[in-house]
Protein backbone atom coordinates (compact mmCIF):
# COMPACT_ATOMS: atom_id res chain seq x y z
CA MET A 1 86.86 62.27 81.23
CA PHE A 2 85.29 65.41 82.61
CA ASP A 3 85.87 67.01 86.00
CA ALA A 4 82.79 69.22 85.83
CA TYR A 5 79.74 70.13 83.82
CA ILE A 6 77.77 73.35 83.43
CA LEU A 7 74.05 73.38 82.66
CA CYS A 8 73.91 76.44 80.40
CA GLY A 9 70.29 77.47 80.26
CA THR A 10 67.51 79.99 80.40
CA PRO A 11 64.50 79.92 82.73
CA ARG A 12 61.86 77.21 82.20
CA THR A 13 64.01 74.83 80.15
CA GLY A 14 63.82 71.92 82.60
CA SER A 15 67.01 72.74 84.49
CA THR A 16 65.48 71.95 87.90
CA LEU A 17 64.28 68.56 86.65
CA LEU A 18 67.71 67.83 85.19
CA CYS A 19 69.50 68.94 88.37
CA SER A 20 67.38 66.54 90.42
CA LEU A 21 67.99 63.68 87.96
CA LEU A 22 71.74 64.20 87.99
CA ALA A 23 71.83 64.43 91.80
CA SER A 24 69.81 61.21 92.07
CA THR A 25 72.58 59.18 90.35
CA LYS A 26 74.90 59.77 93.35
CA MET A 27 77.74 59.87 90.80
CA THR A 28 77.35 63.23 89.06
CA GLY A 29 77.41 65.71 91.91
CA ASN A 30 74.56 67.82 93.19
CA PRO A 31 74.16 70.73 90.74
CA ASP A 32 72.49 74.01 91.65
CA SER A 33 72.65 77.74 90.91
CA PHE A 34 75.74 78.39 93.01
CA PHE A 35 76.83 81.43 91.01
CA ALA A 36 73.55 83.32 90.63
CA ARG A 37 74.40 86.60 92.33
CA ARG A 38 71.06 86.94 94.13
CA PHE A 39 71.43 83.50 95.76
CA MET A 40 75.10 83.73 96.72
CA PRO A 41 74.55 85.41 100.14
CA GLU A 42 72.06 82.66 101.02
CA TRP A 43 74.50 79.93 99.99
CA ALA A 44 77.33 81.61 101.90
CA GLY A 45 75.21 81.68 105.05
CA GLU A 46 74.15 78.06 104.64
CA TRP A 47 77.79 77.01 104.23
CA GLY A 48 78.93 79.01 107.26
CA LEU A 49 81.39 81.13 105.31
CA PRO A 50 83.07 84.18 106.89
CA ASN A 51 81.38 87.57 106.66
CA PRO A 52 82.50 89.01 103.29
CA GLU A 53 83.02 92.39 104.96
CA THR A 54 85.90 90.90 106.97
CA LEU A 55 87.79 89.80 103.84
CA SER A 56 88.93 91.26 100.56
CA GLU A 57 86.67 90.62 97.58
CA ARG A 58 89.13 88.11 96.10
CA GLU A 59 89.62 86.29 99.40
CA PHE A 60 85.90 85.82 99.92
CA GLU A 61 85.29 84.74 96.32
CA THR A 62 88.10 82.17 96.57
CA ILE A 63 86.58 80.71 99.75
CA TYR A 64 83.14 80.76 98.15
CA LEU A 65 84.40 79.01 95.01
CA ASP A 66 86.06 76.24 97.04
CA ALA A 67 82.87 75.73 99.06
CA ALA A 68 80.68 75.66 95.94
CA ILE A 69 82.88 73.02 94.31
CA ARG A 70 82.81 70.90 97.47
CA VAL A 71 79.02 71.11 97.77
CA GLY A 72 78.45 70.69 94.05
CA LYS A 73 80.56 67.51 93.99
CA ALA A 74 78.58 66.03 96.90
CA GLY A 75 81.24 63.45 97.56
CA THR A 76 81.55 62.42 93.89
CA GLY A 77 84.35 63.15 91.46
CA ILE A 78 82.30 65.53 89.31
CA PHE A 79 81.31 69.12 90.02
CA GLY A 80 78.08 70.33 88.44
CA PHE A 81 76.23 73.62 88.46
CA ARG A 82 73.51 75.51 86.65
CA LEU A 83 74.30 78.80 84.93
CA MET A 84 71.71 81.10 83.40
CA ARG A 85 72.88 83.35 80.59
CA GLU A 86 72.36 86.52 82.62
CA ASN A 87 74.83 85.26 85.27
CA LEU A 88 77.62 84.35 82.84
CA GLY A 89 79.33 87.75 82.98
CA GLU A 90 79.28 87.84 86.78
CA LEU A 91 80.87 84.40 87.07
CA SER A 92 83.51 85.32 84.51
CA GLU A 93 84.41 88.41 86.55
CA ILE A 94 84.71 86.35 89.74
CA LEU A 95 86.98 83.81 88.08
CA ASP A 96 89.05 86.57 86.47
CA ARG A 97 89.81 87.96 89.93
CA ILE A 98 90.73 84.49 91.24
CA HIS A 99 92.62 83.38 88.10
CA PRO A 100 93.80 86.66 86.51
CA GLY A 101 95.45 87.04 83.15
CA LEU A 102 93.62 84.31 81.23
CA ALA A 103 92.48 85.10 77.72
CA SER A 104 88.94 83.69 77.63
CA ASP A 105 85.95 82.55 79.67
CA LYS A 106 86.72 78.97 78.67
CA ALA A 107 90.27 79.26 80.00
CA ARG A 108 88.99 80.73 83.26
CA PHE A 109 86.40 77.97 83.66
CA GLU A 110 88.95 75.24 82.99
CA SER A 111 91.43 76.82 85.42
CA ALA A 112 88.76 76.80 88.14
CA PHE A 113 86.89 73.55 87.37
CA GLY A 114 89.15 71.36 85.20
CA ALA A 115 87.82 69.66 82.07
CA VAL A 116 84.27 70.96 81.61
CA LEU A 117 81.31 69.51 79.70
CA TYR A 118 79.00 72.32 78.59
CA ILE A 119 75.35 71.24 78.38
CA HIS A 120 73.10 73.69 76.55
CA LEU A 121 69.48 73.52 77.72
CA SER A 122 66.97 75.09 75.37
CA ARG A 123 63.30 74.91 74.53
CA GLU A 124 62.02 74.68 70.98
CA ASN A 125 58.60 76.13 71.83
CA LYS A 126 59.68 79.59 72.98
CA LEU A 127 56.11 80.81 73.40
CA ALA A 128 55.37 77.98 75.84
CA GLN A 129 58.58 78.87 77.65
CA ALA A 130 57.60 82.55 77.90
CA VAL A 131 54.09 81.72 79.13
CA SER A 132 55.55 79.35 81.73
CA LEU A 133 57.92 82.04 82.99
CA VAL A 134 55.24 84.75 83.19
CA LYS A 135 52.88 82.40 85.03
CA ALA A 136 55.59 81.44 87.52
CA GLU A 137 56.45 85.07 88.17
CA GLN A 138 52.78 85.97 88.68
CA THR A 139 51.73 83.01 90.81
CA GLY A 140 54.99 82.68 92.73
CA LEU A 141 54.95 78.91 92.12
CA TRP A 142 57.99 77.67 90.21
CA HIS A 143 58.08 73.90 90.71
CA ILE A 144 55.89 71.08 92.00
CA ALA A 145 56.53 67.40 92.71
CA PRO A 146 54.73 64.63 90.77
CA ASP A 147 52.23 64.33 93.64
CA GLY A 148 51.39 68.04 93.39
CA THR A 149 53.38 69.10 96.45
CA GLU A 150 55.01 72.50 96.07
CA ILE A 151 58.80 72.30 95.72
CA GLU A 152 59.66 75.92 95.09
CA ARG A 153 57.52 78.97 95.76
CA LEU A 154 59.12 82.43 95.62
CA ALA A 155 56.09 84.62 96.35
CA PRO A 156 52.65 84.39 98.00
CA PRO A 157 49.95 82.77 95.82
CA GLN A 158 48.27 85.02 93.26
CA GLU A 159 45.91 84.35 90.39
CA PRO A 160 47.64 84.53 86.99
CA LYS A 161 46.40 87.16 84.54
CA TYR A 162 46.97 87.10 80.81
CA ASP A 163 49.25 89.96 79.73
CA PHE A 164 50.06 90.17 76.02
CA GLU A 165 52.78 92.82 76.29
CA ARG A 166 54.51 91.10 79.18
CA ILE A 167 54.56 87.77 77.36
CA ARG A 168 55.90 89.47 74.23
CA ARG A 169 58.74 91.12 76.18
CA VAL A 170 59.64 87.87 77.94
CA LEU A 171 59.52 85.95 74.66
CA ALA A 172 61.92 88.40 73.02
CA GLY A 173 64.25 88.21 76.02
CA LEU A 174 64.35 84.41 75.98
CA GLU A 175 65.05 84.35 72.26
CA SER A 176 67.91 86.82 72.71
CA TYR A 177 69.42 84.75 75.54
CA ASP A 178 69.46 81.63 73.33
CA VAL A 179 71.20 83.59 70.60
CA ALA A 180 73.65 84.93 73.18
CA TRP A 181 74.51 81.41 74.36
CA ASP A 182 75.15 80.25 70.79
CA THR A 183 77.30 83.31 70.13
CA TRP A 184 79.31 82.65 73.30
CA PHE A 185 79.83 78.98 72.46
CA ALA A 186 81.13 79.98 69.01
CA GLU A 187 83.43 82.67 70.43
CA GLN A 188 84.87 80.26 73.00
CA GLY A 189 85.29 77.37 70.57
CA ILE A 190 82.88 75.20 72.58
CA SER A 191 80.72 72.43 71.13
CA PRO A 192 78.09 71.90 73.82
CA LEU A 193 76.01 68.82 74.42
CA ARG A 194 72.55 70.04 73.44
CA VAL A 195 69.53 68.99 75.47
CA GLY A 196 66.02 70.11 74.50
CA TYR A 197 63.27 70.61 77.04
CA GLU A 198 60.88 68.66 74.88
CA SER A 199 63.09 65.54 74.77
CA LEU A 200 64.02 65.89 78.45
CA SER A 201 60.39 66.02 79.58
CA ALA A 202 59.33 63.21 77.22
CA ASP A 203 62.24 60.88 78.02
CA PRO A 204 64.04 61.93 81.23
CA ALA A 205 65.73 58.53 81.65
CA GLY A 206 67.08 58.57 78.10
CA THR A 207 68.32 62.14 78.45
CA LEU A 208 70.01 61.34 81.74
CA ALA A 209 71.68 58.27 80.21
CA ARG A 210 73.07 60.35 77.33
CA ILE A 211 74.59 62.88 79.75
CA CYS A 212 76.03 60.19 82.04
CA GLU A 213 77.61 58.40 79.09
CA THR A 214 79.16 61.65 77.87
CA LEU A 215 80.54 62.32 81.35
CA GLY A 216 81.99 58.80 81.44
CA VAL A 217 79.65 57.63 84.19
CA LYS A 218 77.55 54.46 84.08
CA PRO A 219 73.90 55.58 83.71
CA PRO A 220 71.32 54.26 86.16
CA ASP A 221 68.84 51.60 85.10
CA THR A 222 65.85 53.12 83.35
CA GLY A 223 63.47 51.80 86.02
CA ASP A 224 65.43 53.56 88.73
CA VAL A 225 64.99 57.02 87.18
CA LYS A 226 62.12 58.78 88.92
CA PRO A 227 61.68 62.47 88.00
CA GLY A 228 61.13 64.57 91.11
CA VAL A 229 59.62 67.54 89.27
CA ALA A 230 56.28 67.64 87.43
CA ILE A 231 55.18 69.73 84.46
CA LEU A 232 53.22 72.86 85.43
CA SER A 233 51.65 73.53 82.04
CA ASP A 234 47.84 73.41 82.16
CA GLU A 235 44.73 74.65 80.35
CA THR A 236 45.54 78.21 81.40
CA SER A 237 48.92 77.92 79.69
CA LEU A 238 47.33 76.62 76.49
CA ASP A 239 44.67 79.34 76.58
CA TRP A 240 47.32 82.05 76.98
CA MET A 241 49.27 80.68 74.02
CA ARG A 242 46.16 80.72 71.83
CA ARG A 243 45.24 84.24 72.92
CA PHE A 244 48.79 85.49 72.41
CA GLN A 245 48.96 84.15 68.87
CA MET A 246 45.61 85.77 68.04
CA ASP A 247 46.68 89.09 69.58
CA LEU A 248 50.02 88.95 67.81
CA ASP A 249 48.35 88.33 64.45
CA ALA A 250 45.99 91.25 65.10
CA ALA A 251 48.90 93.53 66.04
CA LYS A 252 50.71 92.67 62.81
CA GLN A 253 47.62 93.49 60.75
CA ALA A 254 46.94 96.79 62.53
């Protein structure tokens, strides 16, 4: 039986869809990016936590950790959260201050969260992932609902523009993050539950059932699973992928 789970991912691997699916069960917490440094001040304000300037760093981080676990459990017995690879080091440092003297990240995580299920989210088509990320960054639109309603927008609307060099840099970064996750799992002696974006988007109910069963929770009926996030890929995405492959081939021949 697990006390917690961590969605170990990279951007545009379906983590928002999976978070919404897990929250909808009412049995597997309400996962979110509680430990992404740029969002922590916003969370702290929403939770009504004391001003960090009035406390020591360790005192504030301890209060923050307790609040995150409470919110992430959402009245259930399981704490869940999403962790991108670039935030792993920051979380480890926080937990090292709260639980000093432990020998590994895994030991720190288990001291803070109990028995943890590590779920590795990845995407087989890395070019599609890179194009999706560049488009989101350019347009400011990150997620939409199945009816087309905007769920998450982080910048004013802008028209996307194909950028070969930017896509190539993002692609290389995403590939390196996946390698970094696998290296970390091996170093920590962790065998994660692996979830691919392609299988998650094609069969969200089946993917959710597999995770629930691993967590020891009865999965919801298939008919009750209603994804709250829609796929953003469109003709522009496909066109960019075709153009990128052509430009990449040309660059290799130059």
